[in-house]
Amino acid sequence: MIGKSSNQNQQNLFKPLLKEFINLSHELVLLSNKIDWNYFETEFSSLYSNTGKPAMPIRLMVGSLMLKRIYNLGDETLAEAWKMNPF
């Protein structure tokens, strides 16, 4: 089952939205705005089942793979880098 991204417009005092405190001119933010995420959703959605536990969102999966390739990271180092740098 395809995972859905959570609503990114909900305000929460203890969990500010990422877009509220990141540098919108950072190279990765600019790159993410140029990527056609709907293309990946369309291409990969047929590979998901309609039953079972929802998977991680396709955008997260594709974005993670891109970061691994751009920065030559492994699975564990990507997770650590993600915690250290919100971009």
N, C-alpha and C. Protein backbone atom coordinates (compact mmCIF):
# COMPACT_ATOMS: atom_id res chain seq x y z
N MET A 1 0.84 -1.17 0.00
CA MET A 1 0.00 0.00 0.00
C MET A 1 0.89 1.23 0.00
N ILE A 2 0.56 2.20 -0.80
CA ILE A 2 1.37 3.41 -0.91
C ILE A 2 1.20 4.26 0.34
N GLY A 3 2.31 4.68 0.91
CA GLY A 3 2.27 5.58 2.06
C GLY A 3 1.95 6.99 1.62
N LYS A 4 1.31 7.72 2.47
CA LYS A 4 0.95 9.10 2.19
C LYS A 4 1.79 10.03 3.04
N SER A 5 2.21 11.14 2.47
CA SER A 5 2.91 12.16 3.24
C SER A 5 1.90 12.87 4.12
N SER A 6 2.33 13.20 5.33
CA SER A 6 1.43 13.89 6.24
C SER A 6 1.17 15.31 5.75
N ASN A 7 0.06 15.88 6.22
CA ASN A 7 -0.31 17.25 5.86
C ASN A 7 0.77 18.19 6.39
N GLN A 8 1.44 18.90 5.51
CA GLN A 8 2.56 19.76 5.90
C GLN A 8 2.12 21.17 6.28
N ASN A 9 0.82 21.42 6.37
CA ASN A 9 0.34 22.76 6.69
C ASN A 9 -0.20 22.87 8.11
N GLN A 10 -0.26 21.75 8.84
CA GLN A 10 -0.77 21.75 10.20
C GLN A 10 0.22 22.40 11.15
N GLN A 11 -0.22 23.37 11.94
CA GLN A 11 0.64 24.04 12.89
C GLN A 11 0.70 23.26 14.20
N ASN A 12 1.89 23.14 14.78
CA ASN A 12 2.09 22.47 16.05
C ASN A 12 3.19 23.22 16.78
N LEU A 13 2.92 23.65 17.99
CA LEU A 13 3.86 24.45 18.77
C LEU A 13 5.18 23.72 19.00
N PHE A 14 5.12 22.40 19.20
CA PHE A 14 6.31 21.65 19.55
C PHE A 14 7.00 21.01 18.36
N LYS A 15 6.36 21.02 17.21
CA LYS A 15 6.95 20.46 15.99
C LYS A 15 6.80 21.47 14.86
N PRO A 16 7.71 22.44 14.78
CA PRO A 16 7.59 23.42 13.69
C PRO A 16 7.81 22.75 12.34
N LEU A 17 7.18 23.29 11.32
CA LEU A 17 7.33 22.76 9.98
C LEU A 17 8.75 23.02 9.49
N LEU A 18 9.29 22.07 8.75
CA LEU A 18 10.65 22.19 8.23
C LEU A 18 10.80 23.45 7.40
N LYS A 19 9.78 23.77 6.60
CA LYS A 19 9.88 24.93 5.73
C LYS A 19 9.90 26.26 6.50
N GLU A 20 9.62 26.21 7.82
CA GLU A 20 9.64 27.43 8.62
C GLU A 20 11.04 27.81 9.09
N PHE A 21 11.98 26.85 9.08
CA PHE A 21 13.30 27.20 9.61
C PHE A 21 14.47 26.81 8.71
N ILE A 22 14.22 26.26 7.54
CA ILE A 22 15.34 25.97 6.65
C ILE A 22 15.59 27.14 5.70
N ASN A 23 16.75 27.15 5.13
CA ASN A 23 17.12 28.16 4.15
C ASN A 23 16.52 27.77 2.80
N LEU A 24 15.54 28.50 2.34
CA LEU A 24 14.84 28.16 1.11
C LEU A 24 15.70 28.35 -0.14
N SER A 25 16.88 28.95 0.01
CA SER A 25 17.77 29.09 -1.14
C SER A 25 18.89 28.03 -1.11
N HIS A 26 18.81 27.07 -0.19
CA HIS A 26 19.80 25.99 -0.12
C HIS A 26 19.70 25.16 -1.41
N GLU A 27 20.83 24.61 -1.85
CA GLU A 27 20.88 23.87 -3.12
C GLU A 27 19.94 22.67 -3.15
N LEU A 28 19.76 21.98 -2.03
CA LEU A 28 18.86 20.82 -2.02
C LEU A 28 17.40 21.23 -2.04
N VAL A 29 17.08 22.37 -1.44
CA VAL A 29 15.71 22.87 -1.49
C VAL A 29 15.38 23.28 -2.92
N LEU A 30 16.32 23.96 -3.57
CA LEU A 30 16.11 24.36 -4.97
C LEU A 30 15.98 23.13 -5.88
N LEU A 31 16.80 22.11 -5.63
CA LEU A 31 16.71 20.88 -6.41
C LEU A 31 15.36 20.21 -6.22
N SER A 32 14.88 20.14 -4.99
CA SER A 32 13.59 19.48 -4.73
C SER A 32 12.44 20.20 -5.41
N ASN A 33 12.57 21.50 -5.59
CA ASN A 33 11.50 22.25 -6.27
C ASN A 33 11.51 22.01 -7.78
N LYS A 34 12.63 21.54 -8.33
CA LYS A 34 12.73 21.30 -9.77
C LYS A 34 12.35 19.87 -10.15
N ILE A 35 12.26 18.98 -9.17
CA ILE A 35 11.96 17.57 -9.45
C ILE A 35 10.45 17.40 -9.61
N ASP A 36 10.07 16.66 -10.64
CA ASP A 36 8.65 16.34 -10.85
C ASP A 36 8.31 15.12 -10.01
N TRP A 37 7.89 15.33 -8.76
CA TRP A 37 7.60 14.24 -7.84
C TRP A 37 6.40 13.42 -8.29
N ASN A 38 5.47 14.04 -8.99
CA ASN A 38 4.29 13.31 -9.49
C ASN A 38 4.70 12.23 -10.49
N TYR A 39 5.76 12.47 -11.23
CA TYR A 39 6.26 11.46 -12.17
C TYR A 39 6.62 10.18 -11.42
N PHE A 40 7.36 10.33 -10.33
CA PHE A 40 7.76 9.16 -9.55
C PHE A 40 6.55 8.47 -8.93
N GLU A 41 5.60 9.26 -8.43
CA GLU A 41 4.38 8.68 -7.87
C GLU A 41 3.67 7.84 -8.92
N THR A 42 3.55 8.36 -10.12
CA THR A 42 2.86 7.65 -11.20
C THR A 42 3.61 6.39 -11.61
N GLU A 43 4.92 6.50 -11.76
CA GLU A 43 5.72 5.37 -12.22
C GLU A 43 5.80 4.24 -11.20
N PHE A 44 5.92 4.57 -9.93
CA PHE A 44 6.13 3.54 -8.91
C PHE A 44 4.85 3.06 -8.25
N SER A 45 3.74 3.76 -8.41
CA SER A 45 2.51 3.37 -7.71
C SER A 45 2.03 1.99 -8.12
N SER A 46 2.30 1.57 -9.35
CA SER A 46 1.86 0.25 -9.80
C SER A 46 2.62 -0.89 -9.10
N LEU A 47 3.74 -0.58 -8.47
CA LEU A 47 4.54 -1.59 -7.78
C LEU A 47 4.08 -1.83 -6.34
N TYR A 48 3.08 -1.07 -5.89
CA TYR A 48 2.58 -1.19 -4.53
C TYR A 48 1.26 -1.94 -4.51
N SER A 49 1.03 -2.66 -3.42
CA SER A 49 -0.20 -3.41 -3.23
C SER A 49 -1.27 -2.51 -2.61
N ASN A 50 -2.52 -2.86 -2.77
CA ASN A 50 -3.61 -2.12 -2.14
C ASN A 50 -3.95 -2.68 -0.77
N THR A 51 -3.27 -3.72 -0.35
CA THR A 51 -3.53 -4.31 0.96
C THR A 51 -2.27 -4.25 1.81
N GLY A 52 -2.45 -4.42 3.10
CA GLY A 52 -1.30 -4.43 4.00
C GLY A 52 -1.00 -3.07 4.59
N LYS A 53 0.08 -3.04 5.33
CA LYS A 53 0.52 -1.81 6.00
C LYS A 53 1.03 -0.82 4.96
N PRO A 54 0.67 0.47 5.10
CA PRO A 54 1.17 1.46 4.14
C PRO A 54 2.69 1.55 4.16
N ALA A 55 3.27 1.70 2.99
CA ALA A 55 4.72 1.84 2.85
C ALA A 55 5.11 3.29 3.14
N MET A 56 6.40 3.51 3.14
CA MET A 56 6.89 4.88 3.26
C MET A 56 6.51 5.63 1.99
N PRO A 57 6.29 6.95 2.08
CA PRO A 57 5.93 7.71 0.88
C PRO A 57 7.00 7.59 -0.21
N ILE A 58 6.56 7.54 -1.44
CA ILE A 58 7.46 7.39 -2.58
C ILE A 58 8.46 8.54 -2.64
N ARG A 59 8.01 9.74 -2.33
CA ARG A 59 8.92 10.89 -2.35
C ARG A 59 10.07 10.70 -1.36
N LEU A 60 9.78 10.15 -0.19
CA LEU A 60 10.83 9.90 0.80
C LEU A 60 11.81 8.85 0.28
N MET A 61 11.29 7.81 -0.33
CA MET A 61 12.16 6.75 -0.84
C MET A 61 13.06 7.26 -1.96
N VAL A 62 12.49 7.98 -2.92
CA VAL A 62 13.27 8.50 -4.05
C VAL A 62 14.26 9.56 -3.56
N GLY A 63 13.80 10.45 -2.68
CA GLY A 63 14.68 11.48 -2.15
C GLY A 63 15.85 10.90 -1.38
N SER A 64 15.60 9.84 -0.61
CA SER A 64 16.68 9.18 0.13
C SER A 64 17.71 8.58 -0.81
N LEU A 65 17.23 7.92 -1.87
CA LEU A 65 18.17 7.35 -2.84
C LEU A 65 18.99 8.43 -3.53
N MET A 66 18.35 9.57 -3.83
CA MET A 66 19.09 10.67 -4.45
C MET A 66 20.18 11.20 -3.52
N LEU A 67 19.84 11.37 -2.24
CA LEU A 67 20.83 11.86 -1.28
C LEU A 67 21.99 10.88 -1.13
N LYS A 68 21.68 9.59 -1.13
CA LYS A 68 22.73 8.59 -1.02
C LYS A 68 23.69 8.69 -2.19
N ARG A 69 23.16 8.90 -3.39
CA ARG A 69 24.02 8.99 -4.59
C ARG A 69 24.79 10.32 -4.63
N ILE A 70 24.12 11.42 -4.30
CA ILE A 70 24.77 12.73 -4.36
C ILE A 70 25.94 12.81 -3.39
N TYR A 71 25.73 12.30 -2.16
CA TYR A 71 26.74 12.44 -1.11
C TYR A 71 27.50 11.15 -0.82
N ASN A 72 27.29 10.11 -1.65
CA ASN A 72 27.99 8.84 -1.50
C ASN A 72 27.84 8.29 -0.07
N LEU A 73 26.59 8.15 0.38
CA LEU A 73 26.29 7.69 1.73
C LEU A 73 25.74 6.28 1.71
N GLY A 74 25.93 5.57 2.81
CA GLY A 74 25.30 4.27 3.00
C GLY A 74 23.99 4.45 3.76
N ASP A 75 23.31 3.36 4.03
CA ASP A 75 22.03 3.44 4.74
C ASP A 75 22.19 4.07 6.13
N GLU A 76 23.15 3.58 6.89
CA GLU A 76 23.34 4.08 8.25
C GLU A 76 23.84 5.52 8.26
N THR A 77 24.77 5.84 7.36
CA THR A 77 25.29 7.20 7.33
C THR A 77 24.25 8.19 6.83
N LEU A 78 23.34 7.75 5.97
CA LEU A 78 22.24 8.62 5.54
C LEU A 78 21.35 8.96 6.72
N ALA A 79 21.03 7.96 7.53
CA ALA A 79 20.17 8.19 8.69
C ALA A 79 20.83 9.17 9.67
N GLU A 80 22.12 9.01 9.90
CA GLU A 80 22.83 9.93 10.79
C GLU A 80 22.90 11.33 10.21
N ALA A 81 23.19 11.43 8.91
CA ALA A 81 23.27 12.73 8.26
C ALA A 81 21.91 13.43 8.30
N TRP A 82 20.84 12.65 8.15
CA TRP A 82 19.48 13.20 8.15
C TRP A 82 19.19 13.84 9.51
N LYS A 83 19.63 13.21 10.58
CA LYS A 83 19.40 13.77 11.92
C LYS A 83 20.20 15.05 12.15
N MET A 84 21.39 15.11 11.56
CA MET A 84 22.27 16.25 11.79
C MET A 84 21.94 17.45 10.91
N ASN A 85 21.38 17.21 9.72
CA ASN A 85 21.15 18.28 8.76
C ASN A 85 19.76 18.16 8.16
N PRO A 86 18.86 19.11 8.44
CA PRO A 86 17.49 19.00 7.97
C PRO A 86 17.31 19.17 6.47
N PHE A 87 18.33 19.61 5.76
CA PHE A 87 18.19 19.81 4.33
C PHE A 87 18.12 18.47 3.65
